[in-house]
C-alpha atoms as a PDB file:
ATOM      1  CA  MET A   1      -2.317 -18.691  24.531  1.00  0.00           C
ATOM      2  CA  SER A   2      -4.731 -15.927  25.544  1.00  0.00           C
ATOM      3  CA  GLU A   3      -6.728 -14.133  22.856  1.00  0.00           C
ATOM      4  CA  ILE A   4      -4.943 -11.246  21.122  1.00  0.00           C
ATOM      5  CA  ASN A   5      -6.829  -7.974  20.666  1.00  0.00           C
ATOM      6  CA  LEU A   6      -5.401  -6.266  17.594  1.00  0.00           C
ATOM      7  CA  GLY A   7      -6.152  -2.599  16.985  1.00  0.00           C
ATOM      8  CA  ILE A   8      -6.331  -1.475  13.353  1.00  0.00           C
ATOM      9  CA  ILE A   9      -6.328   2.218  12.433  1.00  0.00           C
ATOM     10  CA  GLY A  10      -8.336   2.763   9.262  1.00  0.00           C
ATOM     11  CA  GLY A  11     -11.495   1.050   8.099  1.00  0.00           C
ATOM     12  CA  GLY A  12     -11.273   0.680   4.310  1.00  0.00           C
ATOM     13  CA  GLN A  13     -10.973  -2.481   2.240  1.00  0.00           C
ATOM     14  CA  LEU A  14      -7.498  -3.264   3.578  1.00  0.00           C
ATOM     15  CA  GLY A  15      -8.799  -3.062   7.143  1.00  0.00           C
ATOM     16  CA  SER A  16     -11.651  -5.359   6.092  1.00  0.00           C
ATOM     17  CA  MET A  17      -9.302  -7.993   4.678  1.00  0.00           C
ATOM     18  CA  LEU A  18      -6.987  -7.764   7.694  1.00  0.00           C
ATOM     19  CA  SER A  19     -10.031  -8.387   9.915  1.00  0.00           C
ATOM     20  CA  ILE A  20     -11.076 -11.418   7.841  1.00  0.00           C
ATOM     21  CA  ALA A  21      -7.540 -12.851   8.053  1.00  0.00           C
ATOM     22  CA  ALA A  22      -7.396 -12.187  11.812  1.00  0.00           C
ATOM     23  CA  LYS A  23     -10.624 -14.140  12.448  1.00  0.00           C
ATOM     24  CA  LYS A  24      -9.015 -17.222  10.899  1.00  0.00           C
ATOM     25  CA  LEU A  25      -6.210 -16.903  13.486  1.00  0.00           C
ATOM     26  CA  ASN A  26      -8.563 -16.253  16.435  1.00  0.00           C
ATOM     27  CA  VAL A  27      -7.256 -12.701  16.713  1.00  0.00           C
ATOM     28  CA  LYS A  28      -9.916 -10.168  17.728  1.00  0.00           C
ATOM     29  CA  THR A  29      -9.887  -6.899  15.741  1.00  0.00           C
ATOM     30  CA  ILE A  30     -10.923  -3.462  16.982  1.00  0.00           C
ATOM     31  CA  ILE A  31     -10.960  -0.801  14.252  1.00  0.00           C
ATOM     32  CA  PHE A  32     -10.535   2.919  14.890  1.00  0.00           C
ATOM     33  CA  CYS A  33     -11.588   5.086  11.950  1.00  0.00           C
ATOM     34  CA  ASP A  34     -12.681   8.642  11.187  1.00  0.00           C
ATOM     35  CA  ASP A  35     -15.265   7.470   8.624  1.00  0.00           C
ATOM     36  CA  ILE A  36     -18.574   6.529  10.241  1.00  0.00           C
ATOM     37  CA  ASN A  37     -19.465   4.507   7.124  1.00  0.00           C
ATOM     38  CA  ALA A  38     -16.150   2.622   7.013  1.00  0.00           C
ATOM     39  CA  PRO A  39     -16.779  -0.763   5.342  1.00  0.00           C
ATOM     40  CA  ALA A  40     -14.419  -2.641   7.677  1.00  0.00           C
ATOM     41  CA  GLN A  41     -17.009  -2.429  10.464  1.00  0.00           C
ATOM     42  CA  ASN A  42     -18.785  -5.256   8.584  1.00  0.00           C
ATOM     43  CA  PHE A  43     -15.819  -7.547   9.246  1.00  0.00           C
ATOM     44  CA  CYS A  44     -14.149  -6.509  12.528  1.00  0.00           C
ATOM     45  CA  ASN A  45     -15.144  -7.484  16.087  1.00  0.00           C
ATOM     46  CA  GLU A  46     -15.549  -3.908  17.286  1.00  0.00           C
ATOM     47  CA  PHE A  47     -15.618  -0.490  15.614  1.00  0.00           C
ATOM     48  CA  ILE A  48     -14.724   2.877  17.181  1.00  0.00           C
ATOM     49  CA  PHE A  49     -15.533   6.044  15.255  1.00  0.00           C
ATOM     50  CA  GLY A  50     -13.425   9.096  16.019  1.00  0.00           C
ATOM     51  CA  LYS A  51     -11.128  11.715  14.546  1.00  0.00           C
ATOM     52  CA  TYR A  52      -7.423  10.920  14.570  1.00  0.00           C
ATOM     53  CA  ASP A  53      -6.694  13.851  16.888  1.00  0.00           C
ATOM     54  CA  ASP A  54      -9.450  12.980  19.399  1.00  0.00           C
ATOM     55  CA  SER A  55      -7.467  12.110  22.546  1.00  0.00           C
ATOM     56  CA  GLN A  56     -10.472  10.598  24.356  1.00  0.00           C
ATOM     57  CA  LYS A  57     -11.376   8.286  21.481  1.00  0.00           C
ATOM     58  CA  ILE A  58      -7.727   7.320  21.026  1.00  0.00           C
ATOM     59  CA  LEU A  59      -7.514   6.417  24.720  1.00  0.00           C
ATOM     60  CA  GLU A  60     -10.714   4.361  24.493  1.00  0.00           C
ATOM     61  CA  PHE A  61      -9.220   2.498  21.502  1.00  0.00           C
ATOM     62  CA  VAL A  62      -5.795   1.965  23.104  1.00  0.00           C
ATOM     63  CA  ASN A  63      -7.323   0.561  26.315  1.00  0.00           C
ATOM     64  CA  LYS A  64      -9.110  -2.177  24.359  1.00  0.00           C
ATOM     65  CA  VAL A  65      -6.137  -3.543  22.418  1.00  0.00           C
ATOM     66  CA  ASP A  66      -2.822  -5.338  22.959  1.00  0.00           C
ATOM     67  CA  ILE A  67      -1.027  -4.195  19.829  1.00  0.00           C
ATOM     68  CA  ILE A  68      -1.802  -1.780  16.998  1.00  0.00           C
ATOM     69  CA  THR A  69      -1.305  -1.663  13.229  1.00  0.00           C
ATOM     70  CA  TYR A  70      -2.716   0.484  10.423  1.00  0.00           C
ATOM     71  CA  GLU A  71      -4.137   0.018   6.924  1.00  0.00           C
ATOM     72  CA  PHE A  72      -2.996   3.296   5.331  1.00  0.00           C
ATOM     73  CA  GLU A  73       0.008   5.567   5.786  1.00  0.00           C
ATOM     74  CA  ASN A  74      -1.524   9.046   5.910  1.00  0.00           C
ATOM     75  CA  ILE A  75      -2.172   8.979   9.650  1.00  0.00           C
ATOM     76  CA  PRO A  76      -0.615  11.906  11.551  1.00  0.00           C
ATOM     77  CA  TYR A  77       2.780  10.864  12.955  1.00  0.00           C
ATOM     78  CA  GLU A  78       1.859  12.596  16.239  1.00  0.00           C
ATOM     79  CA  THR A  79      -1.169  10.307  16.602  1.00  0.00           C
ATOM     80  CA  LEU A  80       0.834   7.131  15.963  1.00  0.00           C
ATOM     81  CA  ASN A  81       3.634   8.267  18.263  1.00  0.00           C
ATOM     82  CA  GLN A  82       1.182   9.140  21.041  1.00  0.00           C
ATOM     83  CA  ILE A  83      -0.407   5.684  20.757  1.00  0.00           C
ATOM     84  CA  ASN A  84       3.012   4.000  20.639  1.00  0.00           C
ATOM     85  CA  GLN A  85       3.845   5.447  24.085  1.00  0.00           C
ATOM     86  CA  LYS A  86       1.031   3.315  25.522  1.00  0.00           C
ATOM     87  CA  LYS A  87       0.785   0.263  23.246  1.00  0.00           C
ATOM     88  CA  ARG A  88       3.210  -0.961  20.586  1.00  0.00           C
ATOM     89  CA  VAL A  89       2.481   0.199  17.034  1.00  0.00           C
ATOM     90  CA  LEU A  90       3.754  -1.946  14.136  1.00  0.00           C
ATOM     91  CA  PRO A  91       5.155  -0.988  11.700  1.00  0.00           C
ATOM     92  CA  LYS A  92       6.839   1.531  14.005  1.00  0.00           C
ATOM     93  CA  PRO A  93       5.711   5.178  13.609  1.00  0.00           C
ATOM     94  CA  SER A  94       9.160   6.411  12.515  1.00  0.00           C
ATOM     95  CA  ILE A  95       8.855   4.262   9.371  1.00  0.00           C
ATOM     96  CA  ASN A  96       5.497   5.792   8.586  1.00  0.00           C
ATOM     97  CA  ARG A  97       6.892   9.313   9.051  1.00  0.00           C
ATOM     98  CA  LEU A  98       9.741   8.572   6.614  1.00  0.00           C
ATOM     99  CA  ILE A  99       7.480   7.083   3.947  1.00  0.00           C
ATOM    100  CA  GLN A 100       4.856   9.836   4.302  1.00  0.00           C
ATOM    101  CA  HIS A 101       7.437  12.237   2.851  1.00  0.00           C
ATOM    102  CA  ARG A 102       8.300  11.435  -0.782  1.00  0.00           C
ATOM    103  CA  LEU A 103      11.612  13.309  -0.722  1.00  0.00           C
ATOM    104  CA  ALA A 104      12.812  11.602   2.484  1.00  0.00           C
ATOM    105  CA  GLU A 105      11.666   8.241   1.105  1.00  0.00           C
ATOM    106  CA  LYS A 106      13.648   8.646  -2.129  1.00  0.00           C
ATOM    107  CA  ASP A 107      16.739   9.875  -0.239  1.00  0.00           C
ATOM    108  CA  PHE A 108      16.497   6.770   1.984  1.00  0.00           C
ATOM    109  CA  VAL A 109      16.273   4.404  -1.006  1.00  0.00           C
ATOM    110  CA  ASN A 110      19.187   6.077  -2.814  1.00  0.00           C
ATOM    111  CA  LYS A 111      21.403   5.765   0.276  1.00  0.00           C
ATOM    112  CA  LEU A 112      20.955   1.979  -0.036  1.00  0.00           C
ATOM    113  CA  ASN A 113      22.420   2.213  -3.578  1.00  0.00           C
ATOM    114  CA  ILE A 114      19.028   1.309  -4.984  1.00  0.00           C
ATOM    115  CA  ARG A 115      17.966   3.161  -8.113  1.00  0.00           C
ATOM    116  CA  THR A 116      15.055   5.594  -8.243  1.00  0.00           C
ATOM    117  CA  THR A 117      14.131   7.980 -11.020  1.00  0.00           C
ATOM    118  CA  GLN A 118      15.955  11.362 -10.917  1.00  0.00           C
ATOM    119  CA  TYR A 119      14.227  13.830  -8.609  1.00  0.00           C
ATOM    120  CA  THR A 120      14.599  17.141  -6.820  1.00  0.00           C
ATOM    121  CA  SER A 121      12.807  19.248  -4.226  1.00  0.00           C
ATOM    122  CA  VAL A 122      10.571  22.111  -5.405  1.00  0.00           C
ATOM    123  CA  LYS A 123       9.631  24.755  -2.838  1.00  0.00           C
ATOM    124  CA  LYS A 124       8.567  27.605  -5.105  1.00  0.00           C
ATOM    125  CA  LYS A 125       7.482  28.105  -8.686  1.00  0.00           C
ATOM    126  CA  SER A 126      10.784  29.745  -9.737  1.00  0.00           C
ATOM    127  CA  ASP A 127      12.655  26.534  -8.745  1.00  0.00           C
ATOM    128  CA  LEU A 128      11.172  24.898 -11.831  1.00  0.00           C
ATOM    129  CA  ASP A 129      12.872  27.313 -14.260  1.00  0.00           C
ATOM    130  CA  SER A 130      16.246  25.563 -13.940  1.00  0.00           C
ATOM    131  CA  LEU A 131      14.882  22.012 -14.011  1.00  0.00           C
ATOM    132  CA  LYS A 132      14.427  21.445 -17.749  1.00  0.00           C
ATOM    133  CA  ASP A 133      16.685  18.343 -17.519  1.00  0.00           C
ATOM    134  CA  LEU A 134      14.025  16.625 -15.394  1.00  0.00           C
ATOM    135  CA  LEU A 135      11.278  17.165 -17.971  1.00  0.00           C
ATOM    136  CA  PRO A 136       9.070  15.510 -18.954  1.00  0.00           C
ATOM    137  CA  GLY A 137       8.358  14.864 -15.305  1.00  0.00           C
ATOM    138  CA  ILE A 138       5.684  14.632 -12.682  1.00  0.00           C
ATOM    139  CA  LEU A 139       5.293  17.168  -9.883  1.00  0.00           C
ATOM    140  CA  LYS A 140       3.969  15.590  -6.674  1.00  0.00           C
ATOM    141  CA  THR A 141       3.188  16.933  -3.232  1.00  0.00           C
ATOM    142  CA  THR A 142       5.859  15.603  -0.851  1.00  0.00           C
ATOM    143  CA  THR A 143       3.129  14.442   1.536  1.00  0.00           C
ATOM    144  CA  LEU A 144      -0.366  13.004   1.088  1.00  0.00           C
ATOM    145  CA  GLY A 145      -1.863  12.126  -2.278  1.00  0.00           C
ATOM    146  CA  TYR A 146      -2.567   8.656  -3.651  1.00  0.00           C
ATOM    147  CA  ASP A 147      -4.299   7.191  -6.719  1.00  0.00           C
ATOM    148  CA  GLY A 148      -3.037  10.200  -8.680  1.00  0.00           C
ATOM    149  CA  LYS A 149      -4.165  12.916  -6.251  1.00  0.00           C
ATOM    150  CA  GLY A 150      -1.733  15.836  -5.727  1.00  0.00           C
ATOM    151  CA  GLN A 151       0.182  14.929  -8.902  1.00  0.00           C
ATOM    152  CA  TYR A 152       0.771  17.088 -11.981  1.00  0.00           C
ATOM    153  CA  PRO A 153       2.363  15.765 -15.206  1.00  0.00           C
ATOM    154  CA  ILE A 154       4.623  18.424 -16.805  1.00  0.00           C
ATOM    155  CA  LYS A 155       5.936  17.913 -20.339  1.00  0.00           C
ATOM    156  CA  ASP A 156       7.302  21.389 -20.884  1.00  0.00           C
ATOM    157  CA  ILE A 157       8.195  24.309 -18.609  1.00  0.00           C
ATOM    158  CA  LYS A 158       5.315  26.280 -20.201  1.00  0.00           C
ATOM    159  CA  ASP A 159       2.844  23.756 -18.744  1.00  0.00           C
ATOM    160  CA  ILE A 160       3.402  25.250 -15.273  1.00  0.00           C
ATOM    161  CA  ASP A 161       1.341  28.323 -16.123  1.00  0.00           C
ATOM    162  CA  LYS A 162      -1.604  26.152 -17.238  1.00  0.00           C
ATOM    163  CA  ILE A 163      -1.835  24.260 -13.946  1.00  0.00           C
ATOM    164  CA  ASP A 164      -3.309  25.627 -10.735  1.00  0.00           C
ATOM    165  CA  ILE A 165      -0.626  24.560  -8.240  1.00  0.00           C
ATOM    166  CA  ASP A 166      -0.695  25.605  -4.585  1.00  0.00           C
ATOM    167  CA  PHE A 167       2.940  26.503  -3.849  1.00  0.00           C
ATOM    168  CA  SER A 168       2.275  26.877  -0.133  1.00  0.00           C
ATOM    169  CA  LYS A 169       2.930  23.097  -0.187  1.00  0.00           C
ATOM    170  CA  GLU A 170       6.295  21.450  -0.812  1.00  0.00           C
ATOM    171  CA  TYR A 171       6.714  19.369  -3.967  1.00  0.00           C
ATOM    172  CA  ILE A 172       9.050  16.840  -5.518  1.00  0.00           C
ATOM    173  CA  LEU A 173       9.708  16.794  -9.266  1.00  0.00           C
ATOM    174  CA  GLU A 174      10.421  13.300 -10.603  1.00  0.00           C
ATOM    175  CA  LYS A 175      11.763  12.696 -14.103  1.00  0.00           C
ATOM    176  CA  LEU A 176       9.449  10.423 -16.070  1.00  0.00           C
ATOM    177  CA  VAL A 177      10.763   6.976 -16.919  1.00  0.00           C
ATOM    178  CA  LYS A 178      10.226   5.612 -20.448  1.00  0.00           C
ATOM    179  CA  LEU A 179       7.995   3.017 -18.910  1.00  0.00           C
ATOM    180  CA  LYS A 180       7.808  -0.562 -20.128  1.00  0.00           C
ATOM    181  CA  LYS A 181       5.901  -1.976 -17.162  1.00  0.00           C
ATOM    182  CA  GLU A 182       5.230  -1.720 -13.438  1.00  0.00           C
ATOM    183  CA  ILE A 183       5.701  -4.461 -10.867  1.00  0.00           C
ATOM    184  CA  SER A 184       5.405  -4.722  -7.100  1.00  0.00           C
ATOM    185  CA  VAL A 185       7.021  -7.005  -4.541  1.00  0.00           C
ATOM    186  CA  ILE A 186       5.295  -7.791  -1.257  1.00  0.00           C
ATOM    187  CA  ILE A 187       7.359  -8.963   1.690  1.00  0.00           C
ATOM    188  CA  THR A 188       6.385  -9.803   5.264  1.00  0.00           C
ATOM    189  CA  ARG A 189       9.263  -9.356   7.693  1.00  0.00           C
ATOM    190  CA  PHE A 190       8.998 -10.978  11.121  1.00  0.00           C
ATOM    191  CA  SER A 191      12.424 -10.131  12.579  1.00  0.00           C
ATOM    192  CA  ASN A 192      16.100  -9.861  11.495  1.00  0.00           C
ATOM    193  CA  ASN A 193      16.573 -11.811   8.251  1.00  0.00           C
ATOM    194  CA  ASN A 194      13.341 -13.630   9.005  1.00  0.00           C
ATOM    195  CA  TYR A 195      10.754 -12.989   6.321  1.00  0.00           C
ATOM    196  CA  GLU A 196       8.459 -14.426   3.666  1.00  0.00           C
ATOM    197  CA  ILE A 197       8.451 -12.834   0.218  1.00  0.00           C
ATOM    198  CA  TYR A 198       5.965 -13.152  -2.633  1.00  0.00           C
ATOM    199  CA  GLU A 199       6.995 -13.307  -6.274  1.00  0.00           C
ATOM    200  CA  PRO A 200       6.882 -10.046  -8.256  1.00  0.00           C
ATOM    201  CA  ILE A 201       3.391  -8.976  -9.364  1.00  0.00           C
ATOM    202  CA  GLU A 202       2.823  -7.217 -12.699  1.00  0.00           C
ATOM    203  CA  ASN A 203       0.485  -4.221 -12.473  1.00  0.00           C
ATOM    204  CA  THR A 204      -1.472  -2.125 -14.969  1.00  0.00           C
ATOM    205  CA  HIS A 205      -2.911   1.280 -14.053  1.00  0.00           C
ATOM    206  CA  GLU A 206      -5.761   3.209 -15.656  1.00  0.00           C
ATOM    207  CA  ASP A 207      -6.321   6.879 -14.735  1.00  0.00           C
ATOM    208  CA  GLN A 208      -3.500   6.461 -12.166  1.00  0.00           C
ATOM    209  CA  ILE A 209      -5.532   3.804 -10.311  1.00  0.00           C
ATOM    210  CA  LEU A 210      -4.483   0.142 -10.187  1.00  0.00           C
ATOM    211  CA  LYS A 211      -6.712  -1.823 -12.559  1.00  0.00           C
ATOM    212  CA  TYR A 212      -5.045  -5.209 -13.135  1.00  0.00           C
ATOM    213  CA  SER A 213      -2.474  -7.330 -11.290  1.00  0.00           C
ATOM    214  CA  LYS A 214      -1.109 -10.725 -12.277  1.00  0.00           C
ATOM    215  CA  ILE A 215       1.389 -13.427 -11.385  1.00  0.00           C
ATOM    216  CA  PRO A 216       3.684 -14.484 -12.829  1.00  0.00           C
ATOM    217  CA  ALA A 217       4.977 -11.099 -13.937  1.00  0.00           C
ATOM    218  CA  GLU A 218       6.460 -11.164 -17.437  1.00  0.00           C
ATOM    219  CA  VAL A 219       9.976 -10.108 -16.430  1.00  0.00           C
ATOM    220  CA  SER A 220      13.490 -11.477 -16.890  1.00  0.00           C
ATOM    221  CA  ASN A 221      15.075 -13.687 -14.227  1.00  0.00           C
ATOM    222  CA  ASN A 222      17.482 -10.841 -13.501  1.00  0.00           C
ATOM    223  CA  LEU A 223      14.659  -8.373 -12.703  1.00  0.00           C
ATOM    224  CA  PHE A 224      12.664 -11.067 -10.876  1.00  0.00           C
ATOM    225  CA  ASN A 225      15.598 -11.616  -8.498  1.00  0.00           C
ATOM    226  CA  LYS A 226      16.777  -7.988  -8.292  1.00  0.00           C
ATOM    227  CA  SER A 227      13.318  -6.670  -7.329  1.00  0.00           C
ATOM    228  CA  LYS A 228      13.060  -9.246  -4.526  1.00  0.00           C
ATOM    229  CA  ASP A 229      16.601  -8.466  -3.347  1.00  0.00           C
ATOM    230  CA  TRP A 230      15.855  -4.724  -3.206  1.00  0.00           C
ATOM    231  CA  ALA A 231      12.597  -5.323  -1.295  1.00  0.00           C
ATOM    232  CA  ILE A 232      14.497  -7.440   1.259  1.00  0.00           C
ATOM    233  CA  ARG A 233      17.203  -4.772   1.664  1.00  0.00           C
ATOM    234  CA  ILE A 234      14.590  -2.054   2.221  1.00  0.00           C
ATOM    235  CA  ALA A 235      12.647  -4.124   4.783  1.00  0.00           C
ATOM    236  CA  GLU A 236      15.841  -5.049   6.645  1.00  0.00           C
ATOM    237  CA  GLU A 237      17.192  -1.488   6.718  1.00  0.00           C
ATOM    238  CA  LEU A 238      13.863  -0.238   8.102  1.00  0.00           C
ATOM    239  CA  LYS A 239      13.839  -3.083  10.679  1.00  0.00           C
ATOM    240  CA  TYR A 240      10.274  -3.485   9.497  1.00  0.00           C
ATOM    241  CA  VAL A 241       7.712  -5.750  11.187  1.00  0.00           C
ATOM    242  CA  GLY A 242       4.669  -6.640   9.097  1.00  0.00           C
ATOM    243  CA  THR A 243       3.790  -6.646   5.396  1.00  0.00           C
ATOM    244  CA  LEU A 244       5.457  -4.095   3.115  1.00  0.00           C
ATOM    245  CA  CYS A 245       5.038  -3.409  -0.607  1.00  0.00           C
ATOM    246  CA  VAL A 246       7.720  -1.969  -2.880  1.00  0.00           C
ATOM    247  CA  GLU A 247       6.451  -0.608  -6.210  1.00  0.00           C
ATOM    248  CA  PHE A 248       8.853  -0.624  -9.160  1.00  0.00           C
ATOM    249  CA  PHE A 249       9.133   0.820 -12.669  1.00  0.00           C
ATOM    250  CA  ILE A 250      10.894  -1.038 -15.498  1.00  0.00           C
ATOM    251  CA  ASP A 251      12.031   1.122 -18.405  1.00  0.00           C
ATOM    252  CA  ARG A 252      12.438   0.201 -22.070  1.00  0.00           C
ATOM    253  CA  ASN A 253      16.121  -0.601 -21.469  1.00  0.00           C
ATOM    254  CA  GLU A 254      15.220  -3.120 -18.736  1.00  0.00           C
ATOM    255  CA  ASN A 255      16.413  -0.846 -15.910  1.00  0.00           C
ATOM    256  CA  LEU A 256      14.662  -1.279 -12.570  1.00  0.00           C
ATOM    257  CA  TYR A 257      13.624   1.708 -10.398  1.00  0.00           C
ATOM    258  CA  VAL A 258      11.934   1.879  -7.014  1.00  0.00           C
ATOM    259  CA  ASN A 259       8.866   4.096  -7.397  1.00  0.00           C
ATOM    260  CA  GLU A 260       7.299   4.008  -3.920  1.00  0.00           C
ATOM    261  CA  ILE A 261       7.219   2.034  -0.690  1.00  0.00           C
ATOM    262  CA  ALA A 262       3.870   1.280   0.931  1.00  0.00           C
ATOM    263  CA  PRO A 263       4.289   0.464   4.672  1.00  0.00           C
ATOM    264  CA  ARG A 264       1.239  -1.802   4.734  1.00  0.00           C
ATOM    265  CA  VAL A 265      -0.646  -4.504   2.878  1.00  0.00           C
ATOM    266  CA  HIS A 266      -1.254  -3.469  -0.725  1.00  0.00           C
ATOM    267  CA  ASN A 267      -3.940  -3.538  -3.405  1.00  0.00           C
ATOM    268  CA  SER A 268      -1.680  -5.450  -5.817  1.00  0.00           C
ATOM    269  CA  GLY A 269      -1.433  -8.257  -3.259  1.00  0.00           C
ATOM    270  CA  HIS A 270      -5.159  -9.057  -3.162  1.00  0.00           C
ATOM    271  CA  LEU A 271      -4.484 -12.032  -5.424  1.00  0.00           C
ATOM    272  CA  THR A 272      -2.360 -13.617  -2.657  1.00  0.00           C
ATOM    273  CA  ILE A 273      -5.625 -14.496  -0.849  1.00  0.00           C
ATOM    274  CA  ASN A 274      -6.369 -17.170  -3.445  1.00  0.00           C
ATOM    275  CA  ALA A 275      -2.987 -17.791  -5.089  1.00  0.00           C
ATOM    276  CA  TYR A 276      -0.946 -18.644  -1.948  1.00  0.00           C
ATOM    277  CA  ASN A 277      -1.348 -20.786   1.153  1.00  0.00           C
ATOM    278  CA  ILE A 278      -0.888 -17.639   3.296  1.00  0.00           C
ATOM    279  CA  SER A 279      -2.148 -14.250   2.073  1.00  0.00           C
ATOM    280  CA  GLN A 280      -0.344 -10.933   2.578  1.00  0.00           C
ATOM    281  CA  PHE A 281      -3.071 -10.091   5.126  1.00  0.00           C
ATOM    282  CA  GLU A 282      -2.632 -13.245   7.193  1.00  0.00           C
ATOM    283  CA  ASN A 283       1.149 -12.845   7.099  1.00  0.00           C
ATOM    284  CA  HIS A 284       0.815  -9.256   8.356  1.00  0.00           C
ATOM    285  CA  ILE A 285      -1.334 -10.434  11.294  1.00  0.00           C
ATOM    286  CA  ARG A 286       1.148 -13.233  12.032  1.00  0.00           C
ATOM    287  CA  ALA A 287       4.111 -10.821  12.013  1.00  0.00           C
ATOM    288  CA  VAL A 288       2.661  -7.993  14.123  1.00  0.00           C
ATOM    289  CA  CYS A 289       1.079 -10.433  16.630  1.00  0.00           C
ATOM    290  CA  SER A 290       4.286 -12.538  16.912  1.00  0.00           C
ATOM    291  CA  LEU A 291       2.532 -15.672  15.664  1.00  0.00           C
ATOM    292  CA  GLU A 292       4.141 -18.617  13.858  1.00  0.00           C
ATOM    293  CA  LYS A 293       5.743 -17.955  10.475  1.00  0.00           C
ATOM    294  CA  ILE A 294       4.614 -20.530   7.913  1.00  0.00           C
ATOM    295  CA  PRO A 295       6.641 -21.019   4.705  1.00  0.00           C
ATOM    296  CA  LEU A 296       4.913 -19.545   1.669  1.00  0.00           C
ATOM    297  CA  LYS A 297       3.662 -21.871  -1.014  1.00  0.00           C
ATOM    298  CA  LYS A 298       2.275 -20.621  -4.323  1.00  0.00           C
ATOM    299  CA  LEU A 299      -0.878 -22.572  -5.206  1.00  0.00           C
ATOM    300  CA  SER A 300      -1.720 -21.058  -8.584  1.00  0.00           C
ATOM    301  CA  ASN A 301      -1.033 -18.355 -11.121  1.00  0.00           C
ATOM    302  CA  ALA A 302      -3.567 -15.563 -10.801  1.00  0.00           C
ATOM    303  CA  LYS A 303      -4.881 -12.286 -12.143  1.00  0.00           C
ATOM    304  CA  MET A 304      -6.873  -9.662 -10.245  1.00  0.00           C
ATOM    305  CA  ILE A 305      -9.165  -6.970 -11.627  1.00  0.00           C
ATOM    306  CA  ASN A 306     -10.235  -4.006  -9.497  1.00  0.00           C
ATOM    307  CA  LEU A 307     -13.930  -3.163  -9.802  1.00  0.00           C
ATOM    308  CA  ILE A 308     -14.042   0.653  -9.950  1.00  0.00           C
ATOM    309  CA  GLY A 309     -17.233   2.648  -9.393  1.00  0.00           C
ATOM    310  CA  ASN A 310     -20.341   1.095 -10.922  1.00  0.00           C
ATOM    311  CA  GLN A 311     -18.373  -1.877 -12.328  1.00  0.00           C
ATOM    312  CA  ILE A 312     -19.408  -3.592  -9.067  1.00  0.00           C
ATOM    313  CA  GLU A 313     -23.126  -3.566  -9.929  1.00  0.00           C
ATOM    314  CA  PRO A 314     -23.374  -6.651 -12.188  1.00  0.00           C
ATOM    315  CA  TYR A 315     -21.494  -8.714  -9.582  1.00  0.00           C
ATOM    316  CA  ARG A 316     -23.783  -7.518  -6.791  1.00  0.00           C
ATOM    317  CA  LYS A 317     -26.686  -8.787  -8.913  1.00  0.00           C
ATOM    318  CA  ASN A 318     -25.310 -12.352  -8.664  1.00  0.00           C
ATOM    319  CA  LEU A 319     -23.486 -12.426 -11.974  1.00  0.00           C
ATOM    320  CA  LYS A 320     -22.459 -16.080 -12.369  1.00  0.00           C
ATOM    321  CA  LEU A 321     -18.797 -16.822 -11.705  1.00  0.00           C
ATOM    322  CA  ASN A 322     -16.673 -19.718 -12.916  1.00  0.00           C
ATOM    323  CA  ASP A 323     -15.119 -22.132 -10.389  1.00  0.00           C
ATOM    324  CA  ASN A 324     -11.742 -20.413 -10.740  1.00  0.00           C
ATOM    325  CA  GLU A 325     -13.127 -16.889 -10.116  1.00  0.00           C
ATOM    326  CA  PHE A 326     -13.466 -15.204  -6.719  1.00  0.00           C
ATOM    327  CA  PHE A 327     -15.501 -12.040  -6.113  1.00  0.00           C
ATOM    328  CA  PHE A 328     -14.789  -9.677  -3.201  1.00  0.00           C
ATOM    329  CA  ASP A 329     -17.292  -6.944  -2.362  1.00  0.00           C
ATOM    330  CA  TYR A 330     -15.878  -4.286  -0.020  1.00  0.00           C
ATOM    331  CA  LEU A 331     -19.447  -3.425   1.060  1.00  0.00           C
ATOM    332  CA  LYS A 332     -18.919   0.287   0.553  1.00  0.00           C
ATOM    333  CA  LYS A 333     -22.311   1.976   0.861  1.00  0.00           C
ATOM    334  CA  GLU A 334     -21.831   4.654  -1.756  1.00  0.00           C
ATOM    335  CA  ILE A 335     -20.718   3.963  -5.317  1.00  0.00           C
ATOM    336  CA  LYS A 336     -18.411   6.755  -6.494  1.00  0.00           C
ATOM    337  CA  ASP A 337     -16.499   7.356  -9.702  1.00  0.00           C
ATOM    338  CA  LYS A 338     -12.862   6.139  -9.364  1.00  0.00           C
ATOM    339  CA  ARG A 339     -13.671   4.411  -6.051  1.00  0.00           C
ATOM    340  CA  LYS A 340     -12.435   0.840  -5.539  1.00  0.00           C
ATOM    341  CA  MET A 341     -15.616  -1.112  -4.769  1.00  0.00           C
ATOM    342  CA  GLY A 342     -14.408  -4.715  -4.977  1.00  0.00           C
ATOM    343  CA  HIS A 343     -12.241  -7.060  -7.021  1.00  0.00           C
ATOM    344  CA  ILE A 344     -12.278 -10.318  -8.962  1.00  0.00           C
ATOM    345  CA  THR A 345      -9.415 -12.794  -8.731  1.00  0.00           C
ATOM    346  CA  THR A 346      -9.087 -15.511 -11.393  1.00  0.00           C
ATOM    347  CA  LEU A 347      -6.787 -18.519 -10.894  1.00  0.00           C
ATOM    348  CA  TYR A 348      -5.176 -20.233 -13.861  1.00  0.00           C
ATOM    349  CA  LYS A 349      -2.386 -22.707 -14.635  1.00  0.00           C
END
């Protein structure tokens, strides 16, 4: 088979790990990114710097690749759609457009008879006056925002006046769940009813940023199976191709809720690199490039810790690791507060 040239839009740590996985499969990666310091250029075969609305740079990128994927969802739909006219984009741009909009995403999930927290659209400040039943809640921009950005916790209606909210944007108000824990399920779908699915991963956040992930998740058999079933139903309904992550809340009464869908490989799945025979990254490459699907085999239990900001420094100074520990440095040039700089995965029985 001739060499596949895979285009990846976005050059962060996910793009880096996709590039590493692609090399193993003899797939050449060309990354297109609007960050000239993008760390993925350390791992890909070729790097193109350009803005996502630069038609000339997009054309240069498209002409070098056979198929295209992306490492984050906040890429303008118009850009993805324009590229898709010339070369196939997977997951398809219409999926990305749906998931970019929190209200549309939640409506989609509810239509599948899958539970989400209660929510409503907020277009102006006065809309909030009649929404006391949804408090305490969290007000989020309907588009953009991740790792806590564009999100405002509201306990009481009086809190609105204390927060500087730009109501030229559209928002969604979500009722807070009495949270017991958070889990995620990662699935790679190849075609109709043809997929590989990882076991649920238990996640812990600090300052609205993922800090710890582990398998096995400490959940009941019922929630273990239900979360996987819901992830499969979502992937099938979307006719998804590639790796998808569904994030869930579990409340104190053991109810399961879909929180968000990420149409891409996911931070919580970093531990799959060491804990499974095929990582989420390799499976994504296999699916979008129409390569062989290999049955998943779990090799070990695992926990992953994100290294945020200057937590990376001791590891960069050759801090000694045990045989069951694996250090990943994303090679980001600048250390910033709340920036994911690397991670440590530990395997255990």
